[in-house]
Amino acid sequence: MSDGTISQSEIDALLSGVDVGGLSSGPSSNVNVDTATLGKFADGLKDKVASNLNGMTGGSFEVGAPSVESMDRDQLLAKLPEMVVAVMADFNAGLKGDHLVLLAPEFAQKITSLVNKEDNAELDDMALSVIGEFISTHTGSEITDLSSIAGLASNPPEAVHVPKAMVRIPQGTFALFSYPLTLDGQTYTLWEAVSSDVAEGIAKALGGGTPDPAPATGGALNAADMASMANLAGGAPQMGGMQMGGFQQQPMMGGMPMGGMQMPMGGGMQMGGMPMGMSIPNVQSVQYPNLSGGPTTQEQGNIGLIMDVNMEMTVELGRTKKQIKDILGMGEGTIIELDKLAGEPVDILVNHKPIAKGEVVVIDENFGVRVTEILSPMERVSDLR
């Protein structure tokens, strides 16, 4: 049982900015993965995997027959070593969803050593950049083979060296491609996981995938339905196991005949001229209230109740994002570069919501801001973060 402490490798992973707990960038539905169609797609890519890798490293990797499996997070974790090199390159256009490539550290180290022409290269930022470049080339080959998906694109690859439990694995059921590679008698595996939505989109683009459910149509009635309709329309009802029809009956209740109930010739019990067992639906028209053209006088007057409420107004010069390790390394004299260009208007915010832009001025010995532009409602919505 853990004592609550965090190992150095986990600290390094957190400082690298990776997600924890296998969380996905978005929800993913559980659909049946068409492994047969995806397997043909992977088989067509295997030669390109070897070509891309050998062209980059100068090696002689050979790729065996790839496999495609329907997988969940626990099943994938059971396949992986404790530490992995994970590359996120999510699809963001044409198809949208998780796209994750995984390598054992030994495989990533071998690729880096061949590229850098050195033995036992370290898995530092430079090595991760090399792996990211390889995955970018591989993703480009996939997009080329899926040209039928208009505008297909992915995010730039982001490679990290982390414990497997800290990798952001697609949620639910997903497709796992496995490419076995061999070099100098040593076997490696390139794993590639895509969310179920992406897998379904790829399969459909290749003529496979789960067929869409057929819409409900008004088909022919079966024998049971026709018999039921016949009974309602003109069949004689049964009472106490005896069929009554062809004569009128005046049952007695308390010595007096019950009027209004009769059995006409041809069957069909009637009550007051209406077939028994059928009722007239109560149909009423819907009454809609009149739409007002604008706020009422009372609503306009209510704004006066909040005129003296104080709201926080701030002026934002610019923003930036830093990793925790960079923030911890800050000291006196550190220069922080913001996302604003020199001379660019600053943002004016009310309760942290942008409403206007302006330029910085000096009033006596104090800073001020001159409003140069009031944002439209659409611009205010688009600026919300």
Protein backbone atom coordinates (compact mmCIF):
# COMPACT_ATOMS: atom_id res chain seq x y z
CA MET A 1 0.00 0.00 0.00
CA SER A 2 1.32 3.44 -0.85
CA ASP A 3 2.38 5.68 2.02
CA GLY A 4 1.17 8.76 0.16
CA THR A 5 4.60 9.88 -1.11
CA ILE A 6 5.31 10.60 -4.77
CA SER A 7 8.33 9.11 -6.49
CA GLN A 8 10.82 11.21 -8.41
CA SER A 9 9.62 9.76 -11.75
CA GLU A 10 6.06 10.81 -10.93
CA ILE A 11 7.25 14.31 -9.99
CA ASP A 12 9.12 14.55 -13.29
CA ALA A 13 5.98 13.45 -15.13
CA LEU A 14 3.87 16.07 -13.40
CA LEU A 15 6.42 18.78 -14.19
CA SER A 16 6.26 17.72 -17.85
CA GLY A 17 2.60 18.76 -17.94
CA VAL A 18 0.98 15.39 -18.66
CA ASP A 19 -2.52 14.43 -17.59
CA VAL A 20 -2.96 12.01 -14.70
CA GLY A 21 -5.26 9.02 -14.37
CA GLY A 22 -5.85 8.18 -17.99
CA LEU A 23 -8.27 11.06 -18.57
CA SER A 24 -9.31 11.70 -22.13
CA SER A 25 -9.52 15.04 -23.89
CA GLY A 26 -13.19 14.39 -24.55
CA PRO A 27 -15.90 11.83 -24.02
CA SER A 28 -15.75 8.80 -26.24
CA SER A 29 -18.70 6.55 -26.95
CA ASN A 30 -18.42 2.78 -26.73
CA VAL A 31 -19.09 1.45 -30.23
CA ASN A 32 -18.18 -1.85 -31.81
CA VAL A 33 -14.71 -1.56 -33.30
CA ASP A 34 -14.49 -2.94 -36.86
CA THR A 35 -11.12 -4.64 -36.35
CA ALA A 36 -11.31 -6.41 -39.72
CA THR A 37 -11.47 -3.18 -41.74
CA LEU A 38 -8.93 -1.45 -39.48
CA GLY A 39 -6.62 -4.47 -39.83
CA LYS A 40 -6.57 -4.05 -43.63
CA PHE A 41 -5.79 -0.36 -43.14
CA ALA A 42 -2.88 -1.19 -40.81
CA ASP A 43 -1.57 -3.85 -43.21
CA GLY A 44 -1.42 -1.24 -45.96
CA LEU A 45 0.55 1.07 -43.67
CA LYS A 46 3.17 -1.35 -42.37
CA ASP A 47 5.59 -0.82 -45.27
CA LYS A 48 5.32 2.94 -44.80
CA VAL A 49 6.12 2.55 -41.09
CA ALA A 50 9.35 0.76 -41.98
CA SER A 51 10.16 3.19 -44.79
CA ASN A 52 9.63 6.26 -42.60
CA LEU A 53 11.64 4.81 -39.74
CA ASN A 54 14.53 3.60 -41.91
CA GLY A 55 14.66 6.85 -43.85
CA MET A 56 14.95 8.80 -40.63
CA THR A 57 17.40 6.55 -38.77
CA GLY A 58 19.37 4.94 -41.58
CA GLY A 59 18.58 1.56 -40.02
CA SER A 60 17.07 -1.59 -41.49
CA PHE A 61 13.90 -2.12 -39.48
CA GLU A 62 11.54 -4.80 -40.71
CA VAL A 63 7.82 -4.66 -39.89
CA GLY A 64 5.79 -7.81 -39.35
CA ALA A 65 2.04 -8.30 -39.74
CA PRO A 66 0.24 -5.69 -37.64
CA SER A 67 -2.76 -6.48 -35.44
CA VAL A 68 -5.81 -4.44 -34.41
CA GLU A 69 -7.67 -5.15 -31.17
CA SER A 70 -10.66 -3.75 -29.34
CA MET A 71 -9.19 -2.58 -26.06
CA ASP A 72 -9.90 -0.78 -22.79
CA ARG A 73 -7.56 1.04 -20.43
CA ASP A 74 -6.84 -1.86 -18.05
CA GLN A 75 -6.10 -4.24 -20.92
CA LEU A 76 -3.68 -1.77 -22.49
CA LEU A 77 -1.87 -1.09 -19.21
CA ALA A 78 -1.30 -4.83 -18.85
CA LYS A 79 0.60 -4.82 -22.17
CA LEU A 80 2.87 -1.87 -21.43
CA PRO A 81 6.13 -1.64 -19.48
CA GLU A 82 6.17 0.48 -16.33
CA MET A 83 7.76 3.45 -18.14
CA VAL A 84 6.73 4.45 -21.67
CA VAL A 85 7.31 7.16 -24.23
CA ALA A 86 3.84 8.47 -25.06
CA VAL A 87 3.10 10.73 -28.03
CA MET A 88 -0.23 12.57 -28.18
CA ALA A 89 -1.33 13.71 -31.65
CA ASP A 90 -5.12 14.00 -31.38
CA PHE A 91 -7.18 14.40 -34.55
CA ASN A 92 -8.79 17.85 -34.60
CA ALA A 93 -10.43 18.13 -38.04
CA GLY A 94 -12.22 15.71 -40.35
CA LEU A 95 -12.28 13.34 -37.39
CA LYS A 96 -12.03 14.47 -33.80
CA GLY A 97 -10.77 12.28 -31.00
CA ASP A 98 -7.82 10.76 -29.15
CA HIS A 99 -4.76 9.58 -31.06
CA LEU A 100 -1.99 8.13 -28.87
CA VAL A 101 1.25 6.39 -29.89
CA LEU A 102 3.29 4.42 -27.33
CA LEU A 103 6.84 3.08 -27.39
CA ALA A 104 8.91 1.21 -24.82
CA PRO A 105 11.84 3.37 -23.62
CA GLU A 106 14.32 0.91 -25.20
CA PHE A 107 12.68 1.36 -28.60
CA ALA A 108 12.66 5.16 -28.31
CA GLN A 109 16.28 5.09 -27.16
CA LYS A 110 17.28 2.92 -30.15
CA ILE A 111 15.65 5.33 -32.60
CA THR A 112 17.35 8.31 -30.97
CA SER A 113 20.75 6.59 -30.92
CA LEU A 114 20.53 5.84 -34.65
CA VAL A 115 19.45 9.39 -35.50
CA ASN A 116 22.12 11.02 -33.31
CA LYS A 117 24.71 8.34 -34.22
CA GLU A 118 25.60 7.67 -30.60
CA ASP A 119 25.23 4.68 -28.31
CA ASN A 120 22.70 4.62 -25.46
CA ALA A 121 21.31 8.08 -26.11
CA GLU A 122 19.47 9.62 -23.16
CA LEU A 123 15.71 10.18 -23.36
CA ASP A 124 15.98 13.94 -22.90
CA ASP A 125 14.02 16.72 -24.60
CA MET A 126 16.08 16.32 -27.76
CA ALA A 127 15.30 12.59 -27.90
CA LEU A 128 11.59 13.21 -27.36
CA SER A 129 11.68 15.72 -30.19
CA VAL A 130 13.13 13.02 -32.48
CA ILE A 131 10.33 10.61 -31.52
CA GLY A 132 7.75 13.33 -32.10
CA GLU A 133 9.14 13.92 -35.60
CA PHE A 134 8.86 10.21 -36.42
CA ILE A 135 5.24 10.08 -35.23
CA SER A 136 4.47 13.22 -37.23
CA THR A 137 5.70 11.46 -40.37
CA HIS A 138 3.69 8.35 -39.52
CA THR A 139 0.52 10.40 -38.93
CA GLY A 140 1.07 12.12 -42.27
CA SER A 141 1.10 8.72 -43.99
CA GLU A 142 -2.19 7.83 -42.29
CA ILE A 143 -3.81 11.09 -43.37
CA THR A 144 -2.65 10.48 -46.96
CA ASP A 145 -4.22 7.01 -46.98
CA LEU A 146 -7.45 8.50 -45.58
CA SER A 147 -7.76 11.20 -48.23
CA SER A 148 -11.48 10.39 -48.53
CA ILE A 149 -11.98 12.11 -45.15
CA ALA A 150 -12.10 15.78 -46.07
CA GLY A 151 -9.82 18.07 -44.09
CA LEU A 152 -8.39 15.34 -41.85
CA ALA A 153 -5.72 16.85 -39.57
CA SER A 154 -4.10 16.29 -36.19
CA ASN A 155 -2.43 18.29 -33.44
CA PRO A 156 1.39 18.55 -33.47
CA PRO A 157 2.84 15.48 -31.70
CA GLU A 158 3.76 15.94 -28.04
CA ALA A 159 6.09 13.29 -26.64
CA VAL A 160 6.70 12.58 -22.93
CA HIS A 161 8.61 9.92 -20.98
CA VAL A 162 6.38 8.97 -18.05
CA PRO A 163 5.04 6.06 -15.96
CA LYS A 164 2.31 4.23 -17.89
CA ALA A 165 -0.32 5.02 -15.26
CA MET A 166 0.04 8.72 -16.03
CA VAL A 167 -0.60 8.45 -19.76
CA ARG A 168 -3.83 9.95 -21.08
CA ILE A 169 -5.45 6.82 -22.50
CA PRO A 170 -8.73 7.02 -24.50
CA GLN A 171 -11.80 6.37 -22.40
CA GLY A 172 -14.10 3.40 -22.85
CA THR A 173 -13.47 0.97 -25.68
CA PHE A 174 -10.90 2.00 -28.29
CA ALA A 175 -8.87 0.48 -31.14
CA LEU A 176 -5.23 -0.53 -30.55
CA PHE A 177 -2.91 -0.98 -33.54
CA SER A 178 0.26 -3.01 -32.84
CA TYR A 179 3.17 -2.90 -35.31
CA PRO A 180 5.96 -5.43 -34.56
CA LEU A 181 9.39 -4.21 -35.71
CA THR A 182 12.70 -6.09 -35.80
CA LEU A 183 16.26 -4.75 -36.01
CA ASP A 184 19.40 -6.85 -35.56
CA GLY A 185 17.39 -9.68 -33.99
CA GLN A 186 15.78 -7.37 -31.43
CA THR A 187 11.98 -7.05 -31.54
CA TYR A 188 10.13 -3.84 -30.69
CA THR A 189 6.46 -2.83 -30.79
CA LEU A 190 4.85 0.41 -31.90
CA TRP A 191 1.42 0.75 -30.24
CA GLU A 192 -1.15 3.18 -31.58
CA ALA A 193 -4.48 3.82 -29.81
CA VAL A 194 -7.39 5.77 -31.30
CA SER A 195 -10.70 6.51 -29.61
CA SER A 196 -13.77 4.56 -30.69
CA ASP A 197 -15.21 7.54 -32.58
CA VAL A 198 -12.03 7.93 -34.62
CA ALA A 199 -11.85 4.17 -35.23
CA GLU A 200 -15.45 4.16 -36.47
CA GLY A 201 -14.78 7.14 -38.75
CA ILE A 202 -11.72 5.46 -40.27
CA ALA A 203 -13.60 2.19 -40.80
CA LYS A 204 -16.53 3.94 -42.51
CA ALA A 205 -14.17 5.90 -44.76
CA LEU A 206 -12.76 2.54 -45.90
CA GLY A 207 -16.19 1.04 -46.58
CA GLY A 208 -16.65 -0.76 -43.26
CA GLY A 209 -17.81 0.27 -39.82
CA THR A 210 -20.98 -0.39 -37.89
CA PRO A 211 -24.05 -0.03 -40.19
CA ASP A 212 -26.51 2.68 -39.28
CA PRO A 213 -29.81 1.39 -37.89
CA ALA A 214 -32.55 1.16 -40.52
CA PRO A 215 -35.36 3.69 -40.03
CA ALA A 216 -38.70 2.35 -38.89
CA THR A 217 -41.15 1.91 -41.78
CA GLY A 218 -44.83 1.10 -41.95
CA GLY A 219 -44.59 -2.56 -42.98
CA ALA A 220 -47.43 -4.99 -43.59
CA LEU A 221 -49.59 -6.00 -40.66
CA ASN A 222 -49.19 -9.49 -39.32
CA ALA A 223 -52.08 -11.89 -38.72
CA ALA A 224 -52.43 -10.98 -35.04
CA ASP A 225 -52.68 -7.25 -35.84
CA MET A 226 -55.30 -7.88 -38.54
CA ALA A 227 -57.40 -10.05 -36.22
CA SER A 228 -57.27 -7.39 -33.52
CA MET A 229 -58.40 -4.70 -35.95
CA ALA A 230 -61.21 -6.94 -37.20
CA ASN A 231 -62.53 -7.36 -33.67
CA LEU A 232 -62.52 -3.60 -33.11
CA ALA A 233 -64.14 -2.83 -36.43
CA GLY A 234 -66.99 -5.32 -36.66
CA GLY A 235 -66.37 -8.54 -34.81
CA ALA A 236 -68.84 -9.65 -32.18
CA PRO A 237 -67.57 -9.29 -28.60
CA GLN A 238 -67.62 -12.24 -26.31
CA MET A 239 -69.14 -12.24 -22.86
CA GLY A 240 -68.61 -15.13 -20.47
CA GLY A 241 -67.26 -17.33 -23.28
CA MET A 242 -70.47 -16.92 -25.43
CA GLN A 243 -70.59 -14.83 -28.58
CA MET A 244 -73.46 -12.33 -28.66
CA GLY A 245 -74.60 -10.96 -31.96
CA GLY A 246 -77.54 -10.77 -34.33
CA PHE A 247 -80.11 -9.71 -31.71
CA GLN A 248 -80.80 -6.87 -29.30
CA GLN A 249 -80.47 -7.49 -25.61
CA GLN A 250 -82.11 -5.52 -22.87
CA PRO A 251 -80.41 -6.72 -19.69
CA MET A 252 -82.22 -6.12 -16.43
CA MET A 253 -80.69 -4.17 -13.59
CA GLY A 254 -82.79 -4.08 -10.47
CA GLY A 255 -85.81 -5.20 -12.45
CA MET A 256 -85.48 -2.43 -15.02
CA PRO A 257 -84.07 -2.70 -18.54
CA MET A 258 -80.77 -0.91 -19.30
CA GLY A 259 -81.45 1.49 -22.09
CA GLY A 260 -78.95 2.65 -24.61
CA MET A 261 -77.10 -0.69 -24.77
CA GLN A 262 -77.90 -2.80 -27.78
CA MET A 263 -76.34 -5.38 -29.98
CA PRO A 264 -77.04 -4.47 -33.63
CA MET A 265 -77.22 -6.98 -36.40
CA GLY A 266 -73.77 -7.83 -37.73
CA GLY A 267 -72.12 -7.68 -34.30
CA GLY A 268 -70.38 -4.86 -32.55
CA MET A 269 -71.64 -3.84 -29.10
CA GLN A 270 -72.79 -0.25 -29.04
CA MET A 271 -73.57 2.08 -26.18
CA GLY A 272 -75.40 5.26 -26.98
CA GLY A 273 -74.52 4.91 -30.65
CA MET A 274 -70.77 4.56 -29.97
CA PRO A 275 -68.81 1.30 -30.36
CA MET A 276 -68.07 -0.03 -26.89
CA GLY A 277 -64.39 0.02 -25.97
CA MET A 278 -63.63 3.04 -28.17
CA SER A 279 -63.58 6.57 -26.79
CA ILE A 280 -63.43 9.94 -28.51
CA PRO A 281 -60.14 11.70 -27.71
CA ASN A 282 -60.44 15.04 -25.98
CA VAL A 283 -58.90 17.42 -28.53
CA GLN A 284 -58.30 21.01 -27.52
CA SER A 285 -56.49 23.84 -29.23
CA VAL A 286 -53.29 25.11 -27.63
CA GLN A 287 -53.47 28.63 -26.27
CA TYR A 288 -50.16 30.51 -26.55
CA PRO A 289 -49.55 33.71 -24.59
CA ASN A 290 -48.99 36.89 -26.56
CA LEU A 291 -45.33 37.66 -27.18
CA SER A 292 -44.22 41.02 -25.90
CA GLY A 293 -42.08 43.19 -28.13
CA GLY A 294 -39.54 44.06 -25.44
CA PRO A 295 -38.99 44.46 -21.72
CA THR A 296 -41.81 45.90 -19.73
CA THR A 297 -41.62 49.25 -18.01
CA GLN A 298 -41.26 47.45 -14.67
CA GLU A 299 -38.31 45.38 -15.99
CA GLN A 300 -36.61 48.53 -17.30
CA GLY A 301 -37.05 50.21 -13.97
CA ASN A 302 -35.54 47.33 -12.01
CA ILE A 303 -32.06 48.13 -13.38
CA GLY A 304 -32.02 51.10 -11.05
CA LEU A 305 -31.87 48.75 -8.06
CA ILE A 306 -28.30 47.67 -8.90
CA MET A 307 -26.81 50.96 -10.05
CA ASP A 308 -24.79 51.35 -6.83
CA VAL A 309 -23.31 47.82 -6.91
CA ASN A 310 -19.50 47.82 -7.10
CA MET A 311 -17.81 45.72 -9.80
CA GLU A 312 -14.12 44.98 -10.21
CA MET A 313 -12.51 46.56 -13.28
CA THR A 314 -9.03 45.46 -14.31
CA VAL A 315 -6.67 46.16 -17.19
CA GLU A 316 -4.71 43.18 -18.50
CA LEU A 317 -1.37 43.88 -20.15
CA GLY A 318 -0.89 40.27 -21.32
CA ARG A 319 -0.70 36.63 -20.35
CA THR A 320 1.60 33.63 -20.66
CA LYS A 321 1.79 29.99 -19.53
CA LYS A 322 4.75 28.41 -17.79
CA GLN A 323 5.45 24.90 -16.57
CA ILE A 324 5.87 24.37 -12.86
CA LYS A 325 9.61 23.73 -13.25
CA ASP A 326 10.02 27.11 -15.00
CA ILE A 327 8.05 28.91 -12.30
CA LEU A 328 10.10 27.29 -9.55
CA GLY A 329 13.26 28.40 -11.35
CA MET A 330 12.27 32.08 -11.44
CA GLY A 331 14.33 34.60 -9.54
CA GLU A 332 15.08 38.30 -9.42
CA GLY A 333 15.85 39.61 -12.85
CA THR A 334 13.88 36.91 -14.70
CA ILE A 335 12.15 38.33 -17.78
CA ILE A 336 8.69 36.98 -18.58
CA GLU A 337 7.54 37.34 -22.17
CA LEU A 338 3.81 38.03 -22.59
CA ASP A 339 1.51 37.23 -25.49
CA LYS A 340 0.94 40.92 -26.34
CA LEU A 341 2.95 42.83 -28.92
CA ALA A 342 4.47 46.17 -27.99
CA GLY A 343 1.94 48.93 -28.66
CA GLU A 344 -0.98 46.48 -28.93
CA PRO A 345 -4.18 47.59 -27.13
CA VAL A 346 -4.65 46.22 -23.63
CA ASP A 347 -7.79 44.39 -22.50
CA ILE A 348 -10.27 46.04 -20.14
CA LEU A 349 -12.19 43.53 -18.02
CA VAL A 350 -15.15 43.80 -15.67
CA ASN A 351 -15.38 40.92 -13.21
CA HIS A 352 -12.75 39.14 -15.34
CA LYS A 353 -14.88 39.41 -18.51
CA PRO A 354 -13.49 41.48 -21.45
CA ILE A 355 -15.67 44.43 -22.42
CA ALA A 356 -13.32 46.88 -24.16
CA LYS A 357 -9.79 47.64 -25.36
CA GLY A 358 -7.65 50.65 -24.66
CA GLU A 359 -4.20 52.22 -24.56
CA VAL A 360 -2.10 52.87 -21.48
CA VAL A 361 -1.63 56.51 -20.50
CA VAL A 362 -0.02 58.33 -17.57
CA ILE A 363 -2.19 60.66 -15.49
CA ASP A 364 0.07 62.77 -13.25
CA GLU A 365 2.01 59.97 -11.52
CA ASN A 366 -0.54 57.20 -12.00
CA PHE A 367 -1.14 54.79 -14.83
CA GLY A 368 -4.47 54.96 -16.63
CA VAL A 369 -6.10 53.56 -19.74
CA ARG A 370 -7.92 55.37 -22.53
CA VAL A 371 -10.81 53.35 -24.01
CA THR A 372 -10.31 52.96 -27.74
CA GLU A 373 -12.83 50.23 -28.58
CA ILE A 374 -15.96 48.71 -27.02
CA LEU A 375 -16.27 45.02 -27.82
CA SER A 376 -19.45 43.78 -29.48
CA PRO A 377 -21.46 41.04 -27.68
CA MET A 378 -20.15 38.43 -30.14
CA GLU A 379 -16.54 39.45 -29.46
CA ARG A 380 -17.14 39.28 -25.72
CA VAL A 381 -18.42 35.71 -26.03
CA SER A 382 -15.49 34.65 -28.23
CA ASP A 383 -12.99 36.14 -25.75
CA LEU A 384 -14.33 34.09 -22.81
CA ARG A 385 -11.80 31.52 -21.69
